[in-house]
Amino acid sequence: MNGLRLRCSFSRLLQLSLLALPVVVTPIGLAAPGEPGAVFAGVSLSVASPTVPPGGMLQMQVSVTEPKPILKGKQGAKFASVVGAVSSPLGAIRSAALFSSGGDVSGVAVLGPSDTQVYFSSPLTSFGMTIDTPVMTIEVPVRKTATVGQSVNLTLDPNSSLWYDPNSTLYPVELKSGTMTVGGSLSIADVNPGAGVVQPGTVISIKGVGFQPTSRVDVNEGVIATSQYISPNEMQVTFSLPLDIRGKRIRVTNDNNERATYYPYQRTAQAGKSTHALVAASYPLFSQRKLKLGYFRPQLKGTMFSGLALQNLNPASATFLLQLFSSTGVLLAQRNLSVAPNTRIARDLVELFPGAVPGGGTELKVSSNRAVQMLGLLGDDASGIVLPVLPSPTP
């Protein structure tokens, strides 16, 4: 790998699924095996157990209990109703996010009907180094028809749990899953803006259900200047000091001490949908780095393929020039692309360059008139794996 460029063979692509260390599954509230109260030597993950009302939003929050530097890996999550339930109170998975102290972590969440596989990479190994923010969140709407008292197991899949240290050695992993219960009246569904440094006086909109005129809002590390009740579905606040809002804990509390907690990130609209089923099921998780120029080394062999994801968080459209070059620098194909504000796009490179072969030895150059988030996708249809590929700033 040259800088941020990933070069990967088919066997390397499957390594995340074929290598594993024993995973300890520990009930919530119990110490890890060994000495009473001993700190687990590997990566210990826990999931919060929230109460969410019908029509609310479940944000599954996965946290590390002790900071550990993470280089790469994957984690599966399942949303299964308890035994005897007639139907799940949850809808389809809506979105996901990864958080790292250095903003370098990127990934891909391959979404299923009631489960997901999240693949991640943190070249600065800042992923897993804070306990103030979850390492990942997954959002799933609770149906309006859900029955109070229904519950769903929020399970971290031990068979899909691989966490690598900075030396590419697997950590032992301890998993503490959680449970969501349908109930209460208060839930946070979105925060906008959800990323970037929010300046004093900028209105921050908190969307959800169950807000009251007397609801109180607090933001970790944020100094709130004003707080205004708009409706049962919206609160608005401003800060008196600048704050990088992404991943900061936001909590709304009602007079009866019912609380809802949410960790924001900027959600974007999806521009169309890929005709490649695995790409269409993939939710790109971008690092916080923004570029005007990036280079990728595509792969296309057998069931392996490469894709491209772009996200424009600017207030105006971004225009792109995509150019595919041969190994000798000959231009094979090019196309222009426009991405609207606060919008993302993900496509197989074959879709972007019909008639061309974006395979081994070729190079993809992505140019933009605005600084945007870029992410390569390296997938395999046979295994269902999609890995994140960071762009290189140079050829």
Protein backbone atom coordinates (compact mmCIF):
# COMPACT_ATOMS: atom_id res chain seq x y z
CA MET A 1 0.00 0.00 0.00
CA ASN A 2 1.39 3.37 -1.03
CA GLY A 3 0.15 5.98 1.47
CA LEU A 4 -3.61 5.56 1.60
CA ARG A 5 -3.78 3.28 -1.46
CA LEU A 6 -5.03 -0.26 -0.94
CA ARG A 7 -3.87 -3.09 -3.16
CA CYS A 8 -5.58 -6.33 -2.36
CA SER A 9 -5.72 -9.90 -3.72
CA PHE A 10 -8.75 -12.15 -3.50
CA SER A 11 -7.22 -14.09 -0.58
CA ARG A 12 -6.48 -10.82 1.23
CA LEU A 13 -10.09 -9.72 0.73
CA LEU A 14 -11.32 -12.85 2.48
CA GLN A 15 -8.86 -12.61 5.36
CA LEU A 16 -11.28 -10.63 7.50
CA SER A 17 -13.71 -13.55 7.36
CA LEU A 18 -11.30 -16.47 7.60
CA LEU A 19 -9.12 -15.34 10.52
CA ALA A 20 -10.56 -15.28 14.00
CA LEU A 21 -9.69 -15.48 17.65
CA PRO A 22 -12.05 -16.75 20.35
CA VAL A 23 -14.77 -14.27 21.18
CA VAL A 24 -16.07 -14.01 24.73
CA VAL A 25 -19.79 -13.24 24.98
CA THR A 26 -20.46 -11.77 28.41
CA PRO A 27 -23.89 -10.86 29.81
CA ILE A 28 -24.23 -7.16 30.58
CA GLY A 29 -23.21 -6.30 34.12
CA LEU A 30 -20.81 -9.22 34.60
CA ALA A 31 -17.01 -8.98 34.75
CA ALA A 32 -14.88 -10.60 32.09
CA PRO A 33 -13.65 -14.14 32.72
CA GLY A 34 -10.62 -14.38 35.00
CA GLU A 35 -9.95 -12.31 38.08
CA PRO A 36 -13.03 -10.55 39.52
CA GLY A 37 -13.28 -7.06 38.10
CA ALA A 38 -10.21 -7.56 35.88
CA VAL A 39 -9.93 -5.38 32.77
CA PHE A 40 -10.32 -7.44 29.60
CA ALA A 41 -7.02 -7.64 27.71
CA GLY A 42 -8.57 -7.26 24.27
CA VAL A 43 -11.37 -5.17 22.80
CA SER A 44 -14.45 -5.09 25.04
CA LEU A 45 -17.62 -3.85 23.32
CA SER A 46 -20.95 -3.05 24.91
CA VAL A 47 -24.34 -2.03 23.56
CA ALA A 48 -26.75 0.34 25.33
CA SER A 49 -30.25 -0.98 26.12
CA PRO A 50 -32.67 1.86 25.30
CA THR A 51 -36.43 2.27 25.58
CA VAL A 52 -37.89 3.70 22.35
CA PRO A 53 -41.55 4.62 21.70
CA PRO A 54 -43.60 3.52 18.67
CA GLY A 55 -42.69 5.82 15.79
CA GLY A 56 -39.33 6.63 17.38
CA MET A 57 -35.79 5.90 16.23
CA LEU A 58 -33.48 3.26 17.66
CA GLN A 59 -29.85 4.31 17.58
CA MET A 60 -27.89 1.18 18.46
CA GLN A 61 -24.81 2.55 20.23
CA VAL A 62 -21.73 0.30 20.31
CA SER A 63 -19.00 1.48 22.69
CA VAL A 64 -15.58 0.29 23.83
CA THR A 65 -15.30 -0.05 27.61
CA GLU A 66 -11.52 0.58 27.57
CA PRO A 67 -9.65 2.54 24.86
CA LYS A 68 -7.80 0.35 22.37
CA PRO A 69 -6.17 1.47 19.08
CA ILE A 70 -7.88 -0.24 16.14
CA LEU A 71 -6.36 -0.54 12.66
CA LYS A 72 -9.12 -2.41 10.81
CA GLY A 73 -11.71 -5.13 11.14
CA LYS A 74 -15.37 -5.95 10.96
CA GLN A 75 -18.36 -6.36 13.26
CA GLY A 76 -21.72 -7.95 12.59
CA ALA A 77 -24.92 -6.86 14.33
CA LYS A 78 -28.32 -8.53 14.44
CA PHE A 79 -31.75 -7.21 15.41
CA ALA A 80 -33.87 -10.17 16.49
CA SER A 81 -37.25 -10.01 18.23
CA VAL A 82 -37.52 -12.05 21.41
CA VAL A 83 -38.98 -15.53 21.15
CA GLY A 84 -42.76 -15.53 20.73
CA ALA A 85 -43.05 -12.13 19.05
CA VAL A 86 -45.61 -12.01 16.23
CA SER A 87 -43.62 -9.51 14.15
CA SER A 88 -40.61 -7.28 14.60
CA PRO A 89 -41.30 -3.77 15.90
CA LEU A 90 -38.42 -2.51 13.76
CA GLY A 91 -38.36 -1.32 10.18
CA ALA A 92 -35.42 -1.59 7.76
CA ILE A 93 -31.99 -0.38 8.86
CA ARG A 94 -31.75 3.26 7.82
CA SER A 95 -28.13 4.33 8.34
CA ALA A 96 -24.91 3.81 10.27
CA ALA A 97 -21.89 5.80 11.42
CA LEU A 98 -18.34 5.25 12.65
CA PHE A 99 -16.57 7.60 15.08
CA SER A 100 -12.84 8.02 15.75
CA SER A 101 -10.97 10.69 17.66
CA GLY A 102 -8.80 11.45 14.62
CA GLY A 103 -11.66 11.41 12.10
CA ASP A 104 -9.71 8.89 10.00
CA VAL A 105 -11.97 5.84 10.27
CA SER A 106 -13.89 4.83 7.17
CA GLY A 107 -15.97 1.78 6.41
CA VAL A 108 -18.83 0.08 4.64
CA ALA A 109 -22.01 -1.24 6.27
CA VAL A 110 -23.53 -4.03 4.19
CA LEU A 111 -27.19 -3.84 5.19
CA GLY A 112 -29.53 -6.82 5.44
CA PRO A 113 -33.22 -6.93 6.41
CA SER A 114 -32.46 -7.36 10.14
CA ASP A 115 -28.69 -7.46 10.32
CA THR A 116 -25.59 -5.70 9.07
CA GLN A 117 -21.89 -6.34 8.55
CA VAL A 118 -19.69 -3.30 9.18
CA TYR A 119 -16.16 -3.30 7.70
CA PHE A 120 -13.81 -0.55 8.89
CA SER A 121 -10.29 0.83 8.50
CA SER A 122 -8.46 3.41 10.64
CA PRO A 123 -4.97 4.12 9.22
CA LEU A 124 -4.14 6.46 12.13
CA THR A 125 -5.44 3.84 14.62
CA SER A 126 -7.50 6.51 16.38
CA PHE A 127 -10.58 4.26 16.12
CA GLY A 128 -11.43 2.87 19.56
CA MET A 129 -9.43 5.47 21.47
CA THR A 130 -12.29 7.30 23.17
CA ILE A 131 -15.04 6.18 25.52
CA ASP A 132 -16.98 9.46 25.30
CA THR A 133 -18.45 8.52 21.92
CA PRO A 134 -19.53 5.10 20.58
CA VAL A 135 -17.25 3.52 18.00
CA MET A 136 -20.29 2.87 15.83
CA THR A 137 -24.01 3.51 15.70
CA ILE A 138 -26.73 1.87 13.63
CA GLU A 139 -30.14 3.48 13.21
CA VAL A 140 -33.39 1.58 12.77
CA PRO A 141 -36.90 3.09 12.92
CA VAL A 142 -39.42 1.66 15.37
CA ARG A 143 -42.73 1.06 13.62
CA LYS A 144 -45.70 3.22 14.63
CA THR A 145 -47.63 -0.04 15.02
CA ALA A 146 -45.12 -1.46 17.52
CA THR A 147 -46.66 -2.66 20.79
CA VAL A 148 -45.43 -1.25 24.09
CA GLY A 149 -43.48 -3.95 25.89
CA GLN A 150 -42.11 -5.62 22.77
CA SER A 151 -38.35 -6.10 22.84
CA VAL A 152 -35.56 -6.72 20.37
CA ASN A 153 -32.16 -8.24 21.07
CA LEU A 154 -29.37 -5.95 19.87
CA THR A 155 -26.78 -8.63 19.25
CA LEU A 156 -23.11 -8.20 18.39
CA ASP A 157 -22.44 -11.30 16.30
CA PRO A 158 -19.44 -13.23 17.71
CA ASN A 159 -19.05 -15.04 14.38
CA SER A 160 -18.49 -11.71 12.60
CA SER A 161 -16.23 -9.92 15.04
CA LEU A 162 -12.63 -9.17 14.01
CA TRP A 163 -10.68 -6.28 15.53
CA TYR A 164 -7.01 -5.77 14.57
CA ASP A 165 -4.37 -3.89 16.58
CA PRO A 166 -1.86 -1.46 14.97
CA ASN A 167 0.41 -4.42 14.10
CA SER A 168 -2.42 -6.21 12.22
CA THR A 169 -2.70 -8.76 15.03
CA LEU A 170 -6.19 -9.83 16.08
CA TYR A 171 -7.37 -8.73 19.51
CA PRO A 172 -9.37 -11.12 21.65
CA VAL A 173 -12.89 -9.68 21.77
CA GLU A 174 -15.52 -9.49 24.50
CA LEU A 175 -19.09 -8.71 23.41
CA LYS A 176 -21.86 -7.41 25.67
CA SER A 177 -25.06 -7.16 23.65
CA GLY A 178 -28.14 -5.16 24.62
CA THR A 179 -31.93 -5.10 24.34
CA MET A 180 -34.31 -2.47 23.02
CA THR A 181 -37.74 -2.24 24.65
CA VAL A 182 -40.69 -0.49 23.05
CA GLY A 183 -42.05 2.08 25.46
CA GLY A 184 -41.91 5.64 26.75
CA SER A 185 -42.67 8.69 24.63
CA LEU A 186 -39.33 10.38 23.89
CA SER A 187 -36.88 9.70 21.05
CA ILE A 188 -34.29 11.60 18.97
CA ALA A 189 -34.20 10.75 15.26
CA ASP A 190 -31.78 13.28 13.74
CA VAL A 191 -29.67 16.37 14.41
CA ASN A 192 -28.91 18.93 11.71
CA PRO A 193 -26.22 20.03 11.18
CA GLY A 194 -24.72 16.78 12.40
CA ALA A 195 -21.09 17.42 11.46
CA GLY A 196 -18.57 20.23 11.23
CA VAL A 197 -17.76 23.12 13.54
CA VAL A 198 -21.00 24.86 14.50
CA GLN A 199 -20.48 28.58 15.06
CA PRO A 200 -22.21 30.60 17.80
CA GLY A 201 -25.76 31.54 16.83
CA THR A 202 -26.14 28.75 14.25
CA VAL A 203 -29.49 27.01 14.72
CA ILE A 204 -29.18 23.29 15.45
CA SER A 205 -32.38 21.36 14.77
CA ILE A 206 -33.08 18.27 16.89
CA LYS A 207 -35.79 16.09 15.36
CA GLY A 208 -37.68 13.28 17.06
CA VAL A 209 -40.89 12.53 18.97
CA GLY A 210 -42.19 13.35 22.44
CA PHE A 211 -40.61 16.77 22.96
CA GLN A 212 -42.34 19.09 25.44
CA PRO A 213 -42.27 22.88 25.94
CA THR A 214 -40.28 22.24 29.13
CA SER A 215 -37.87 19.68 27.61
CA ARG A 216 -34.22 20.32 28.49
CA VAL A 217 -31.33 19.83 26.04
CA ASP A 218 -27.71 19.31 26.97
CA VAL A 219 -24.78 18.69 24.64
CA ASN A 220 -21.49 17.20 25.79
CA GLU A 221 -18.78 19.91 25.58
CA GLY A 222 -21.36 22.37 24.23
CA VAL A 223 -22.36 25.63 25.92
CA ILE A 224 -26.00 26.20 25.00
CA ALA A 225 -26.97 29.84 24.47
CA THR A 226 -30.65 29.35 23.53
CA SER A 227 -33.08 26.44 23.57
CA GLN A 228 -36.49 26.65 21.90
CA TYR A 229 -39.39 24.20 21.72
CA ILE A 230 -40.79 24.17 18.18
CA SER A 231 -43.16 21.20 18.27
CA PRO A 232 -43.42 17.68 19.71
CA ASN A 233 -41.12 16.69 16.85
CA GLU A 234 -38.49 19.45 16.97
CA MET A 235 -36.27 21.38 19.37
CA GLN A 236 -33.81 24.08 18.32
CA VAL A 237 -30.68 25.19 20.16
CA THR A 238 -27.73 27.52 19.56
CA PHE A 239 -24.27 27.53 21.13
CA SER A 240 -22.36 30.40 22.66
CA LEU A 241 -18.99 28.90 21.64
CA PRO A 242 -17.87 27.02 18.49
CA LEU A 243 -18.26 23.24 18.70
CA ASP A 244 -17.38 20.36 16.38
CA ILE A 245 -20.74 18.65 16.80
CA ARG A 246 -20.14 15.27 15.14
CA GLY A 247 -20.27 12.48 17.72
CA LYS A 248 -21.04 14.77 20.67
CA ARG A 249 -23.62 13.29 23.01
CA ILE A 250 -26.96 15.11 22.79
CA ARG A 251 -29.54 14.44 25.47
CA VAL A 252 -33.13 15.60 25.79
CA THR A 253 -34.84 15.25 29.18
CA ASN A 254 -38.54 15.72 29.93
CA ASP A 255 -40.09 16.80 33.23
CA ASN A 256 -40.74 13.17 34.21
CA ASN A 257 -36.97 12.54 33.86
CA GLU A 258 -37.48 10.48 30.69
CA ARG A 259 -34.33 10.83 28.59
CA ALA A 260 -33.26 10.24 25.01
CA THR A 261 -29.59 10.19 23.98
CA TYR A 262 -28.22 10.57 20.46
CA TYR A 263 -24.79 10.89 18.82
CA PRO A 264 -25.05 13.05 15.68
CA TYR A 265 -23.49 12.73 12.24
CA GLN A 266 -24.50 14.34 8.98
CA ARG A 267 -27.08 12.23 7.20
CA THR A 268 -27.26 12.69 3.45
CA ALA A 269 -29.70 11.90 0.68
CA GLN A 270 -28.89 9.05 -1.69
CA ALA A 271 -28.60 9.91 -5.39
CA GLY A 272 -30.27 7.02 -7.16
CA LYS A 273 -29.39 3.39 -6.58
CA SER A 274 -26.78 1.07 -7.99
CA THR A 275 -27.91 -1.76 -10.28
CA HIS A 276 -25.28 -3.95 -8.63
CA ALA A 277 -27.14 -5.62 -5.73
CA LEU A 278 -24.19 -5.72 -3.33
CA VAL A 279 -23.32 -2.07 -3.96
CA ALA A 280 -26.98 -1.13 -3.50
CA ALA A 281 -26.94 -2.88 -0.10
CA SER A 282 -23.75 -1.07 0.94
CA TYR A 283 -23.86 2.10 3.05
CA PRO A 284 -20.55 4.00 2.66
CA LEU A 285 -19.05 5.33 5.89
CA PHE A 286 -16.70 8.16 4.94
CA SER A 287 -13.69 9.42 6.85
CA GLN A 288 -13.82 13.10 7.77
CA ARG A 289 -11.08 13.97 5.30
CA LYS A 290 -12.19 16.06 2.30
CA LEU A 291 -10.35 16.17 -1.00
CA LYS A 292 -10.55 17.79 -4.43
CA LEU A 293 -8.36 15.10 -5.98
CA GLY A 294 -8.05 11.37 -5.30
CA TYR A 295 -6.61 8.27 -6.97
CA PHE A 296 -7.72 4.64 -6.77
CA ARG A 297 -6.39 1.29 -8.11
CA PRO A 298 -9.45 -0.70 -9.26
CA GLN A 299 -9.76 -4.49 -9.09
CA LEU A 300 -11.98 -6.56 -11.40
CA LYS A 301 -11.45 -10.32 -11.43
CA GLY A 302 -13.94 -13.15 -11.08
CA THR A 303 -16.46 -12.14 -8.44
CA MET A 304 -14.26 -9.26 -7.23
CA PHE A 305 -15.12 -5.72 -8.25
CA SER A 306 -14.42 -2.09 -7.40
CA GLY A 307 -16.83 0.74 -6.78
CA LEU A 308 -16.75 4.42 -5.91
CA ALA A 309 -18.68 6.42 -3.30
CA LEU A 310 -18.76 10.22 -3.14
CA GLN A 311 -20.41 12.49 -0.56
CA ASN A 312 -20.93 16.23 -0.94
CA LEU A 313 -21.53 18.08 2.33
CA ASN A 314 -21.19 21.50 0.70
CA PRO A 315 -24.13 23.91 0.38
CA ALA A 316 -23.71 23.86 -3.44
CA SER A 317 -23.45 21.04 -5.99
CA ALA A 318 -20.05 19.45 -6.62
CA THR A 319 -18.97 18.57 -10.16
CA PHE A 320 -16.59 15.68 -10.80
CA LEU A 321 -14.35 14.51 -13.63
CA LEU A 322 -13.77 10.76 -13.45
CA GLN A 323 -10.91 9.45 -15.59
CA LEU A 324 -9.82 5.83 -16.04
CA PHE A 325 -6.22 5.29 -17.19
CA SER A 326 -4.35 2.20 -18.35
CA SER A 327 -1.17 0.97 -16.66
CA THR A 328 0.82 3.00 -19.21
CA GLY A 329 -1.13 6.21 -18.59
CA VAL A 330 -3.42 6.01 -21.62
CA LEU A 331 -6.88 7.51 -21.01
CA LEU A 332 -9.38 4.65 -21.41
CA ALA A 333 -12.60 6.46 -20.49
CA GLN A 334 -13.87 9.54 -18.72
CA ARG A 335 -17.14 11.05 -17.61
CA ASN A 336 -18.55 14.07 -15.78
CA LEU A 337 -20.70 13.72 -12.71
CA SER A 338 -22.63 16.14 -10.51
CA VAL A 339 -23.60 15.48 -6.90
CA ALA A 340 -26.17 17.74 -5.23
CA PRO A 341 -25.62 19.37 -1.81
CA ASN A 342 -25.80 17.05 1.20
CA THR A 343 -26.00 14.03 -1.11
CA ARG A 344 -24.03 10.80 -1.58
CA ILE A 345 -23.65 8.40 -4.48
CA ALA A 346 -22.25 4.84 -4.68
CA ARG A 347 -21.74 2.89 -7.90
CA ASP A 348 -19.85 -0.05 -9.34
CA LEU A 349 -17.11 1.31 -11.61
CA VAL A 350 -18.53 -0.78 -14.44
CA GLU A 351 -21.70 1.33 -14.13
CA LEU A 352 -19.68 4.54 -14.28
CA PHE A 353 -17.56 3.39 -17.24
CA PRO A 354 -19.74 1.15 -19.44
CA GLY A 355 -17.66 -0.65 -22.03
CA ALA A 356 -14.37 -0.09 -20.15
CA VAL A 357 -12.58 -2.60 -17.92
CA PRO A 358 -11.70 -0.93 -14.58
CA GLY A 359 -9.51 -3.84 -13.47
CA GLY A 360 -5.99 -4.68 -12.34
CA GLY A 361 -3.36 -2.27 -13.62
CA THR A 362 -5.77 0.59 -14.28
CA GLU A 363 -5.94 3.80 -12.28
CA LEU A 364 -8.96 5.95 -11.45
CA LYS A 365 -8.49 9.70 -11.06
CA VAL A 366 -11.31 11.64 -9.36
CA SER A 367 -11.26 15.45 -9.60
CA SER A 368 -13.80 17.78 -7.97
CA ASN A 369 -14.41 21.51 -7.97
CA ARG A 370 -15.13 21.32 -4.23
CA ALA A 371 -13.58 19.47 -1.32
CA VAL A 372 -15.67 16.33 -0.82
CA GLN A 373 -15.51 12.93 0.83
CA MET A 374 -14.31 10.05 -1.37
CA LEU A 375 -14.27 6.31 -0.71
CA GLY A 376 -13.41 3.32 -2.85
CA LEU A 377 -15.36 0.07 -2.52
CA LEU A 378 -13.62 -3.30 -2.93
CA GLY A 379 -16.23 -6.04 -3.02
CA ASP A 380 -16.70 -9.72 -3.65
CA ASP A 381 -20.10 -11.02 -4.72
CA ALA A 382 -19.29 -14.58 -3.67
CA SER A 383 -18.68 -13.69 -0.01
CA GLY A 384 -20.79 -10.52 0.28
CA ILE A 385 -17.79 -8.58 1.57
CA VAL A 386 -17.30 -4.89 0.73
CA LEU A 387 -14.15 -3.24 2.09
CA PRO A 388 -13.44 0.50 2.30
CA VAL A 389 -10.58 1.85 0.18
CA LEU A 390 -9.22 5.28 1.01
CA PRO A 391 -8.09 7.51 -1.88
CA SER A 392 -4.47 8.39 -2.43
CA PRO A 393 -3.81 12.12 -2.87
CA THR A 394 -1.13 11.29 -5.48
CA PRO A 395 -0.94 8.85 -8.44
